[in-house]
Amino acid sequence: MIGSDIATMSHDDIQLMYAAGRQINEKGNASI
């Protein structure tokens, strides 16, 4: 399901999602 969702996303959407994930990971790592 996730694979097909990503396949229908635009390149910009994927970049935004990736950037958001990086921010979440950085905040999580900083809070540990």
Protein backbone atom coordinates (compact mmCIF):
# COMPACT_ATOMS: atom_id res chain seq x y z
CA MET A 1 0.00 0.00 0.00
CA ILE A 2 2.71 2.48 0.94
CA GLY A 3 4.62 1.76 -2.27
CA SER A 4 1.61 2.49 -4.47
CA ASP A 5 0.86 5.68 -2.52
CA ILE A 6 4.39 6.95 -3.09
CA ALA A 7 4.19 6.03 -6.77
CA THR A 8 1.19 8.34 -7.21
CA MET A 9 2.79 11.23 -5.33
CA SER A 10 4.50 14.09 -7.10
CA HIS A 11 8.23 14.65 -6.67
CA ASP A 12 7.55 17.74 -4.54
CA ASP A 13 5.24 15.77 -2.23
CA ILE A 14 7.92 13.14 -1.71
CA GLN A 15 10.54 15.79 -0.94
CA LEU A 16 8.23 17.49 1.58
CA MET A 17 7.51 14.17 3.28
CA TYR A 18 11.22 13.31 3.36
CA ALA A 19 12.09 16.72 4.82
CA ALA A 20 9.37 16.38 7.47
CA GLY A 21 10.67 12.93 8.37
CA ARG A 22 14.20 14.28 8.74
CA GLN A 23 12.99 17.05 11.05
CA ILE A 24 11.08 14.54 13.20
CA ASN A 25 14.13 12.26 13.38
CA GLU A 26 16.44 15.12 14.29
CA LYS A 27 14.08 16.29 17.06
CA GLY A 28 13.74 12.73 18.34
CA ASN A 29 17.49 12.20 18.37
CA ALA A 30 18.05 15.52 20.11
CA SER A 31 15.51 14.67 22.83
CA ILE A 32 17.17 11.35 23.68
